[in-house]
Amino acid sequence: MLKLINEHRELHDELKRLKAEMGLEKSFAIKAVYHSFVASDGPYIRDYQDLERLQK
């Protein structure tokens, strides 16, 4: 998930925003980004699946 966040500026900015505005720890902010932008056919699901395939 970190690789996906680092490759997409929008995800990176969202992670930083969640950490700053909500005071979330990095691990919780990453989970929030995942559930907002990847899970349930989010806009980055294909990129996430491609990264998962490359790691196996």
C-alpha atoms as a PDB file:
ATOM      1  CA  MET A   1       0.000   0.000   0.000  1.00  0.00           C
ATOM      2  CA  LEU A   2       2.860   2.385   0.721  1.00  0.00           C
ATOM      3  CA  LYS A   3       4.204   1.863  -2.777  1.00  0.00           C
ATOM      4  CA  LEU A   4       0.814   2.791  -4.224  1.00  0.00           C
ATOM      5  CA  ILE A   5       0.657   5.888  -2.026  1.00  0.00           C
ATOM      6  CA  ASN A   6       4.140   6.935  -3.078  1.00  0.00           C
ATOM      7  CA  GLU A   7       3.295   6.498  -6.770  1.00  0.00           C
ATOM      8  CA  HIS A   8       0.125   8.619  -6.661  1.00  0.00           C
ATOM      9  CA  ARG A   9       0.326  12.192  -5.428  1.00  0.00           C
ATOM     10  CA  GLU A  10      -3.390  12.341  -4.573  1.00  0.00           C
ATOM     11  CA  LEU A  11      -3.048   9.392  -2.201  1.00  0.00           C
ATOM     12  CA  HIS A  12       0.097  10.847  -0.674  1.00  0.00           C
ATOM     13  CA  ASP A  13      -1.605  14.179  -0.066  1.00  0.00           C
ATOM     14  CA  GLU A  14      -4.645  12.451   1.444  1.00  0.00           C
ATOM     15  CA  LEU A  15      -2.417  10.466   3.808  1.00  0.00           C
ATOM     16  CA  LYS A  16      -0.719  13.657   4.982  1.00  0.00           C
ATOM     17  CA  ARG A  17      -4.077  15.411   5.380  1.00  0.00           C
ATOM     18  CA  LEU A  18      -5.533  12.609   7.489  1.00  0.00           C
ATOM     19  CA  LYS A  19      -2.489  12.520   9.726  1.00  0.00           C
ATOM     20  CA  ALA A  20      -2.540  16.284  10.235  1.00  0.00           C
ATOM     21  CA  GLU A  21      -6.250  17.018  10.495  1.00  0.00           C
ATOM     22  CA  MET A  22      -7.358  13.956  12.416  1.00  0.00           C
ATOM     23  CA  GLY A  23      -4.183  13.268  14.309  1.00  0.00           C
ATOM     24  CA  LEU A  24      -4.060   9.681  13.057  1.00  0.00           C
ATOM     25  CA  GLU A  25      -0.988   7.528  13.346  1.00  0.00           C
ATOM     26  CA  LYS A  26       0.515   6.611   9.991  1.00  0.00           C
ATOM     27  CA  SER A  27      -0.751   3.009  10.061  1.00  0.00           C
ATOM     28  CA  PHE A  28      -4.344   4.108  10.717  1.00  0.00           C
ATOM     29  CA  ALA A  29      -4.158   6.820   8.075  1.00  0.00           C
ATOM     30  CA  ILE A  30      -2.936   4.246   5.536  1.00  0.00           C
ATOM     31  CA  LYS A  31      -5.903   2.024   6.367  1.00  0.00           C
ATOM     32  CA  ALA A  32      -8.261   4.971   5.920  1.00  0.00           C
ATOM     33  CA  VAL A  33      -6.738   5.790   2.531  1.00  0.00           C
ATOM     34  CA  TYR A  34      -7.057   2.147   1.497  1.00  0.00           C
ATOM     35  CA  HIS A  35     -10.721   1.969   2.431  1.00  0.00           C
ATOM     36  CA  SER A  36     -11.485   5.321   0.795  1.00  0.00           C
ATOM     37  CA  PHE A  37      -9.608   4.930  -2.483  1.00  0.00           C
ATOM     38  CA  VAL A  38      -8.947   1.226  -3.073  1.00  0.00           C
ATOM     39  CA  ALA A  39     -11.455  -1.078  -1.391  1.00  0.00           C
ATOM     40  CA  SER A  40     -14.928  -1.671  -2.850  1.00  0.00           C
ATOM     41  CA  ASP A  41     -13.922  -0.847  -6.423  1.00  0.00           C
ATOM     42  CA  GLY A  42     -12.326   2.483  -5.589  1.00  0.00           C
ATOM     43  CA  PRO A  43     -10.518   4.499  -8.251  1.00  0.00           C
ATOM     44  CA  TYR A  44      -7.140   2.904  -7.461  1.00  0.00           C
ATOM     45  CA  ILE A  45      -8.235  -0.746  -7.214  1.00  0.00           C
ATOM     46  CA  ARG A  46      -6.600  -1.707 -10.530  1.00  0.00           C
ATOM     47  CA  ASP A  47      -3.267  -0.134  -9.610  1.00  0.00           C
ATOM     48  CA  TYR A  48      -3.365  -1.869  -6.230  1.00  0.00           C
ATOM     49  CA  GLN A  49      -4.131  -5.242  -7.830  1.00  0.00           C
ATOM     50  CA  ASP A  50      -1.292  -4.775 -10.320  1.00  0.00           C
ATOM     51  CA  LEU A  51       1.158  -4.079  -7.485  1.00  0.00           C
ATOM     52  CA  GLU A  52      -0.077  -7.132  -5.584  1.00  0.00           C
ATOM     53  CA  ARG A  53       0.479  -9.346  -8.649  1.00  0.00           C
ATOM     54  CA  LEU A  54       4.014  -8.020  -9.101  1.00  0.00           C
ATOM     55  CA  GLN A  55       4.913  -8.834  -5.502  1.00  0.00           C
ATOM     56  CA  LYS A  56       3.911 -12.494  -5.811  1.00  0.00           C
END
